[in-house]
Protein backbone atom coordinates (compact mmCIF):
# COMPACT_ATOMS: atom_id res chain seq x y z
CA UNK A 1 40.56 -63.44 -74.06
CA UNK A 2 38.91 -63.33 -70.67
CA UNK A 3 35.75 -61.30 -70.19
CA UNK A 4 33.70 -63.26 -72.75
CA UNK A 5 31.33 -64.59 -70.11
CA UNK A 6 31.49 -61.57 -67.87
CA UNK A 7 28.45 -59.37 -67.53
CA UNK A 8 29.00 -56.01 -69.18
CA UNK A 9 29.26 -53.31 -66.52
CA UNK A 10 27.09 -50.92 -68.51
CA UNK A 11 24.34 -53.51 -68.93
CA UNK A 12 24.45 -54.03 -65.15
CA UNK A 13 24.07 -50.29 -64.60
CA UNK A 14 21.12 -50.10 -67.01
CA UNK A 15 19.34 -53.06 -65.45
CA UNK A 16 19.83 -51.66 -61.94
CA UNK A 17 18.28 -48.35 -63.00
CA UNK A 18 15.39 -50.00 -64.87
CA UNK A 19 14.61 -52.22 -61.87
CA UNK A 20 14.80 -49.38 -59.36
CA UNK A 21 11.87 -47.55 -57.78
CA UNK A 22 12.87 -44.24 -59.35
CA UNK A 23 10.28 -42.32 -61.37
CA UNK A 24 10.56 -42.36 -65.15
CA UNK A 25 12.08 -38.88 -65.38
CA UNK A 26 15.01 -39.77 -63.14
CA UNK A 27 15.41 -43.20 -64.73
CA UNK A 28 15.71 -41.54 -68.13
CA UNK A 29 18.26 -39.06 -66.81
CA UNK A 30 20.41 -41.87 -65.43
CA UNK A 31 20.08 -44.03 -68.53
CA UNK A 32 21.18 -41.08 -70.64
CA UNK A 33 24.19 -40.61 -68.37
CA UNK A 34 25.06 -44.31 -68.61
CA UNK A 35 24.89 -44.20 -72.40
CA UNK A 36 27.27 -41.23 -72.31
CA UNK A 37 29.67 -43.16 -70.09
CA UNK A 38 29.40 -46.17 -72.39
CA UNK A 39 30.37 -44.05 -75.39
CA UNK A 40 33.63 -42.89 -73.78
CA UNK A 41 36.83 -44.34 -75.22
CA UNK A 42 40.16 -44.46 -73.43
CA UNK A 43 43.29 -44.12 -75.56
CA UNK A 44 46.53 -45.14 -73.87
CA UNK A 45 49.93 -44.99 -75.52
CA UNK A 46 52.35 -47.58 -74.16
CA UNK A 47 55.96 -46.99 -75.03
CA UNK A 48 59.40 -48.08 -73.92
CA UNK A 49 62.65 -49.53 -75.15
CA UNK A 50 62.85 -52.97 -76.72
CA UNK A 51 62.91 -55.56 -73.96
CA UNK A 52 61.19 -53.39 -71.36
CA UNK A 53 58.17 -55.71 -71.32
CA UNK A 54 55.38 -53.77 -73.00
CA UNK A 55 53.70 -56.86 -74.45
CA UNK A 56 53.94 -58.84 -71.21
CA UNK A 57 52.45 -55.88 -69.34
CA UNK A 58 49.53 -55.64 -71.75
CA UNK A 59 49.00 -59.40 -71.54
CA UNK A 60 49.06 -59.38 -67.73
CA UNK A 61 46.74 -56.39 -67.30
CA UNK A 62 44.16 -57.47 -69.83
CA UNK A 63 44.71 -61.25 -70.08
CA UNK A 64 45.04 -60.75 -73.81
CA UNK A 65 47.43 -62.10 -76.41
CA UNK A 66 48.44 -58.90 -78.17
CA UNK A 67 49.31 -60.85 -81.28
CA UNK A 68 45.63 -61.85 -81.50
CA UNK A 69 43.90 -58.65 -80.43
CA UNK A 70 46.06 -56.30 -82.48
CA UNK A 71 44.51 -54.92 -85.65
CA UNK A 72 47.72 -53.93 -87.37
CA UNK A 73 49.92 -50.92 -87.88
CA UNK A 74 48.38 -47.48 -87.67
CA UNK A 75 48.75 -46.20 -91.26
CA UNK A 76 49.26 -42.59 -90.15
CA UNK A 77 52.13 -43.39 -87.78
CA UNK A 78 54.01 -46.46 -88.96
CA UNK A 79 55.46 -48.73 -86.26
CA UNK A 80 52.72 -47.89 -83.76
CA UNK A 81 50.47 -50.89 -83.21
CA UNK A 82 46.82 -50.34 -82.32
CA UNK A 83 44.95 -52.78 -80.07
CA UNK A 84 41.23 -52.38 -79.46
CA UNK A 85 39.61 -53.98 -76.40
CA UNK A 86 35.99 -52.84 -76.42
CA UNK A 87 36.22 -49.09 -75.67
CA UNK A 88 39.81 -49.29 -74.46
CA UNK A 89 42.33 -48.53 -77.20
CA UNK A 90 46.04 -49.20 -76.72
CA UNK A 91 48.73 -47.66 -78.92
CA UNK A 92 51.94 -49.70 -78.61
CA UNK A 93 54.88 -47.57 -79.72
CA UNK A 94 58.59 -48.39 -79.86
CA UNK A 95 60.80 -46.27 -77.65
CA UNK A 96 64.30 -45.14 -78.49
CA UNK A 97 67.49 -47.15 -78.71
CA UNK A 98 67.03 -48.90 -82.06
CA UNK A 99 69.54 -46.76 -83.96
CA UNK A 100 69.61 -43.14 -85.10
CA UNK A 101 67.38 -43.56 -88.15
CA UNK A 102 64.82 -45.70 -86.33
CA UNK A 103 64.85 -43.43 -83.27
CA UNK A 104 64.17 -40.37 -85.42
CA UNK A 105 61.21 -42.16 -86.99
CA UNK A 106 59.87 -43.40 -83.65
CA UNK A 107 60.14 -39.93 -82.10
CA UNK A 108 58.32 -38.34 -85.03
CA UNK A 109 55.55 -40.94 -84.89
CA UNK A 110 55.05 -40.43 -81.15
CA UNK A 111 54.92 -36.65 -81.54
CA UNK A 112 52.39 -36.96 -84.39
CA UNK A 113 50.18 -39.29 -82.37
CA UNK A 114 50.29 -36.99 -79.32
CA UNK A 115 49.21 -34.11 -81.57
CA UNK A 116 46.06 -35.92 -82.74
CA UNK A 117 42.66 -34.79 -81.49
CA UNK A 118 39.38 -36.65 -81.13
CA UNK A 119 36.06 -35.60 -82.63
CA UNK A 120 35.54 -33.09 -79.83
CA UNK A 121 38.89 -31.40 -80.37
CA UNK A 122 40.48 -32.90 -77.25
CA UNK A 123 43.80 -34.72 -77.25
CA UNK A 124 43.28 -38.28 -78.53
CA UNK A 125 45.79 -39.85 -76.15
CA UNK A 126 44.51 -39.75 -72.57
CA UNK A 127 47.63 -41.23 -70.98
CA UNK A 128 51.18 -42.17 -71.97
CA UNK A 129 52.48 -45.18 -70.03
CA UNK A 130 56.28 -45.27 -70.30
CA UNK A 131 57.77 -48.62 -69.32
CA UNK A 132 61.38 -48.71 -68.17
CA UNK A 133 63.54 -51.82 -67.98
CA UNK A 134 64.30 -52.31 -64.31
CA UNK A 135 67.06 -54.81 -65.05
CA UNK A 136 69.41 -52.18 -66.52
CA UNK A 137 71.15 -49.13 -65.09
CA UNK A 138 71.46 -47.53 -68.53
CA UNK A 139 68.27 -45.54 -68.89
CA UNK A 140 69.74 -42.74 -71.01
CA UNK A 141 67.56 -43.41 -74.04
CA UNK A 142 64.49 -43.67 -71.80
CA UNK A 143 65.19 -40.26 -70.29
CA UNK A 144 65.67 -38.85 -73.78
CA UNK A 145 62.30 -40.33 -74.77
CA UNK A 146 60.52 -38.91 -71.72
CA UNK A 147 62.28 -35.55 -71.43
CA UNK A 148 62.75 -34.63 -75.09
CA UNK A 149 59.92 -36.38 -76.94
CA UNK A 150 56.93 -37.12 -74.71
CA UNK A 151 56.65 -34.44 -72.04
CA UNK A 152 57.27 -31.44 -74.36
CA UNK A 153 54.37 -32.64 -76.53
CA UNK A 154 51.78 -33.43 -73.84
CA UNK A 155 50.21 -29.98 -73.74
CA UNK A 156 48.71 -28.73 -70.46
CA UNK A 157 48.39 -30.94 -67.36
CA UNK A 158 51.51 -32.86 -68.33
CA UNK A 159 51.87 -34.67 -65.00
CA UNK A 160 48.32 -36.04 -65.31
CA UNK A 161 48.98 -37.52 -68.75
CA UNK A 162 52.18 -39.50 -68.16
CA UNK A 163 52.86 -42.49 -65.94
CA UNK A 164 56.36 -43.96 -65.64
CA UNK A 165 56.54 -47.61 -64.56
CA UNK A 166 59.68 -49.66 -63.93
CA UNK A 167 59.09 -53.25 -65.03
CA UNK A 168 61.13 -56.38 -64.20
CA UNK A 169 61.76 -55.26 -60.65
CA UNK A 170 62.42 -58.92 -59.78
CA UNK A 171 65.72 -58.84 -61.69
CA UNK A 172 66.75 -55.29 -60.78
CA UNK A 173 69.71 -56.67 -58.81
CA UNK A 174 70.47 -59.50 -61.25
CA UNK A 175 67.79 -61.64 -59.60
CA UNK A 176 69.28 -61.31 -56.12
CA UNK A 177 67.12 -60.49 -53.10
CA UNK A 178 63.90 -61.58 -54.77
CA UNK A 179 61.83 -63.90 -52.57
CA UNK A 180 60.42 -66.35 -55.12
CA UNK A 181 58.29 -68.19 -52.58
CA UNK A 182 56.51 -64.99 -51.52
CA UNK A 183 56.87 -63.38 -54.96
CA UNK A 184 58.15 -60.10 -53.58
CA UNK A 185 61.42 -58.23 -52.98
CA UNK A 186 63.23 -58.54 -49.67
CA UNK A 187 64.26 -55.47 -47.67
CA UNK A 188 67.54 -54.99 -49.57
CA UNK A 189 65.88 -55.03 -52.99
CA UNK A 190 62.98 -52.89 -51.77
CA UNK A 191 65.45 -50.20 -50.67
CA UNK A 192 67.24 -50.44 -54.03
CA UNK A 193 63.97 -50.09 -55.95
CA UNK A 194 62.77 -47.18 -53.82
CA UNK A 195 66.05 -45.40 -54.56
CA UNK A 196 65.64 -46.15 -58.27
CA UNK A 197 62.17 -44.60 -58.22
CA UNK A 198 63.55 -41.46 -56.58
CA UNK A 199 66.38 -41.30 -59.12
CA UNK A 200 63.98 -41.56 -62.05
CA UNK A 201 61.70 -38.91 -60.55
CA UNK A 202 64.66 -36.58 -59.99
CA UNK A 203 66.04 -37.00 -63.53
CA UNK A 204 62.66 -36.25 -65.08
CA UNK A 205 62.05 -33.23 -62.86
CA UNK A 206 65.52 -31.83 -63.59
CA UNK A 207 65.02 -32.32 -67.32
CA UNK A 208 61.45 -31.06 -67.66
CA UNK A 209 60.27 -29.43 -64.44
CA UNK A 210 57.45 -31.99 -64.33
CA UNK A 211 57.01 -33.98 -61.13
CA UNK A 212 56.09 -37.61 -61.87
CA UNK A 213 55.38 -40.49 -59.50
CA UNK A 214 57.13 -43.57 -60.93
CA UNK A 215 56.30 -47.01 -59.60
CA UNK A 216 57.97 -50.42 -59.94
CA UNK A 217 56.36 -53.76 -60.76
CA UNK A 218 56.88 -57.08 -62.49
CA UNK A 219 54.56 -58.24 -65.25
CA UNK A 220 55.49 -61.86 -64.50
CA UNK A 221 55.98 -64.44 -67.21
CA UNK A 222 54.31 -67.49 -68.68
CA UNK A 223 57.05 -68.92 -70.91
CA UNK A 224 56.94 -72.71 -70.92
CA UNK A 225 60.70 -73.10 -70.37
CA UNK A 226 60.46 -71.22 -67.07
CA UNK A 227 58.43 -71.80 -63.95
CA UNK A 228 55.40 -69.51 -64.07
CA UNK A 229 55.75 -66.32 -62.05
CA UNK A 230 52.74 -64.21 -61.19
CA UNK A 231 52.93 -60.43 -61.51
CA UNK A 232 53.97 -58.22 -58.62
CA UNK A 233 52.44 -54.78 -58.00
CA UNK A 234 50.10 -55.17 -60.98
CA UNK A 235 47.20 -53.89 -58.83
CA UNK A 236 49.32 -50.86 -57.98
CA UNK A 237 50.04 -50.26 -61.67
CA UNK A 238 46.34 -50.46 -62.53
CA UNK A 239 45.49 -48.17 -59.60
CA UNK A 240 47.87 -45.51 -60.91
CA UNK A 241 46.61 -45.94 -64.48
CA UNK A 242 43.04 -45.34 -63.27
CA UNK A 243 44.10 -42.33 -61.20
CA UNK A 244 45.60 -40.82 -64.37
CA UNK A 245 42.39 -41.47 -66.34
CA UNK A 246 39.58 -38.88 -66.56
CA UNK A 247 36.82 -39.89 -64.14
CA UNK A 248 34.09 -40.33 -66.74
CA UNK A 249 36.25 -42.83 -68.67
CA UNK A 250 37.26 -45.08 -65.78
CA UNK A 251 34.46 -47.64 -66.09
CA UNK A 252 35.92 -48.80 -69.40
CA UNK A 253 38.53 -50.78 -67.48
CA UNK A 254 36.03 -52.91 -65.56
CA UNK A 255 35.18 -55.25 -68.42
CA UNK A 256 38.65 -55.23 -69.97
CA UNK A 257 41.08 -56.15 -67.19
CA UNK A 258 42.08 -59.71 -66.36
CA UNK A 259 39.64 -61.60 -64.16
CA UNK A 260 42.35 -63.94 -62.86
CA UNK A 261 42.70 -63.24 -59.11
CA UNK A 262 46.28 -64.50 -58.95
CA UNK A 263 47.62 -61.72 -61.17
CA UNK A 264 46.39 -59.06 -58.72
CA UNK A 265 47.33 -60.81 -55.50
CA UNK A 266 50.97 -59.89 -54.82
CA UNK A 267 51.66 -56.21 -54.05
CA UNK A 268 53.65 -53.99 -51.74
CA UNK A 269 50.45 -53.50 -49.67
CA UNK A 270 51.16 -49.83 -49.06
CA UNK A 271 47.50 -49.43 -50.00
CA UNK A 272 44.59 -51.78 -50.48
CA UNK A 273 44.78 -51.24 -54.23
CA UNK A 274 41.80 -53.45 -55.09
CA UNK A 275 39.51 -51.48 -52.79
CA UNK A 276 40.89 -48.17 -54.04
CA UNK A 277 40.28 -49.22 -57.65
CA UNK A 278 36.69 -50.17 -56.89
CA UNK A 279 36.27 -46.91 -55.03
CA UNK A 280 37.32 -45.02 -58.17
CA UNK A 281 34.68 -46.88 -60.17
CA UNK A 282 32.13 -46.15 -57.47
CA UNK A 283 32.94 -42.47 -57.63
CA UNK A 284 32.36 -42.49 -61.39
CA UNK A 285 28.94 -44.09 -60.87
CA UNK A 286 28.06 -41.69 -58.09
CA UNK A 287 29.23 -38.52 -59.84
CA UNK A 288 28.65 -39.33 -63.52
CA UNK A 289 25.92 -41.97 -63.82
CA UNK A 290 23.65 -40.17 -61.36
CA UNK A 291 24.35 -36.63 -62.54
CA UNK A 292 21.20 -34.50 -62.55
CA UNK A 293 18.99 -37.23 -61.08
CA UNK A 294 17.13 -36.76 -57.80
CA UNK A 295 17.99 -39.90 -55.91
CA UNK A 296 18.54 -38.85 -52.33
CA UNK A 297 20.45 -41.20 -50.08
CA UNK A 298 19.41 -44.43 -51.78
CA UNK A 299 21.92 -44.45 -54.64
CA UNK A 300 23.92 -47.31 -53.12
CA UNK A 301 20.81 -49.44 -52.83
CA UNK A 302 20.05 -48.97 -56.52
CA UNK A 303 23.25 -50.55 -57.80
CA UNK A 304 23.12 -53.98 -56.18
CA UNK A 305 23.61 -55.90 -59.41
CA UNK A 306 26.46 -53.60 -60.44
CA UNK A 307 28.07 -53.98 -57.01
CA UNK A 308 28.07 -57.75 -57.35
CA UNK A 309 29.53 -57.52 -60.88
CA UNK A 310 32.32 -55.23 -59.69
CA UNK A 311 32.92 -57.57 -56.77
CA UNK A 312 34.14 -60.24 -59.18
CA UNK A 313 36.88 -57.97 -60.49
CA UNK A 314 40.46 -58.08 -59.08
CA UNK A 315 39.45 -60.15 -56.07
CA UNK A 316 37.14 -59.50 -53.15
CA UNK A 317 33.78 -60.96 -52.21
CA UNK A 318 30.79 -59.72 -54.16
CA UNK A 319 28.76 -59.20 -51.01
CA UNK A 320 31.50 -57.14 -49.40
CA UNK A 321 31.75 -54.95 -52.46
CA UNK A 322 28.00 -54.49 -52.59
CA UNK A 323 28.18 -53.33 -48.98
CA UNK A 324 31.01 -51.02 -49.94
CA UNK A 325 28.87 -49.56 -52.73
CA UNK A 326 26.03 -48.96 -50.29
CA UNK A 327 28.36 -47.28 -47.83
CA UNK A 328 29.95 -45.13 -50.50
CA UNK A 329 26.65 -43.89 -51.91
CA UNK A 330 24.68 -43.45 -48.74
């Protein structure tokens, strides 16, 4: 896995605080806050039909071979695989479409997992990422999974706890209208994909009353018999995942995501997703790490080491990100 030689974000935060000119009272307040942030675990359920690309998505996001990082079947909900990456926990669940008996079992297991609570009595699963196969028009079983199994069992704030992502957007029109040189869809395919997003949103809203914001992407592939293709819109996918994650848990992604710049490079550029992701992390540091401490306007200047560490994540120059941190906190 990547990340082995990367500096832990929480160690960077601690060292920045210890090396700051703050008095001991405020240093202790911030260190206590950082320890609280460090103890937070994110639990994400990833589900979708066979062939939708769950494993390739996990591999692309986290530069991890799921066959190596997995720790086996969850004994309480058979068929759901648990993967632990530091304080990020992924629950890989089959979707529907494997036959009546298997679908009944999968649905029951998903419902049971969504009903679980953590030690504080809160829902264990922070976010359900539902992956659709963009290469097929037949999404009936996926709608059944979303509308009849997942959303009815999400509890309050349903829209905040589900993210629908359409994978394999590069073959949505049987491979036509995909610009392989630029690794992006042309205008015809972009229009088709935008319409598909609207169709998925409409079907979910009609079935549940919940308004979702689906996105499309391609996890890419590494198979030796094919020419390597980098992901497309992976930064956008991560941005939406972070936006659906409680603020105090967002720093857990920093040390877990892939550090390969090429996997984050190709996007629709509707936003500067890398900057927005770093901004989300900065907001967590500003609002959570500094909570209760009397810092004044110098908070950006404190986290120079952290700014440089974050600058190495999903592209961007470290110095530019450090400047961004200073601007954000001042």
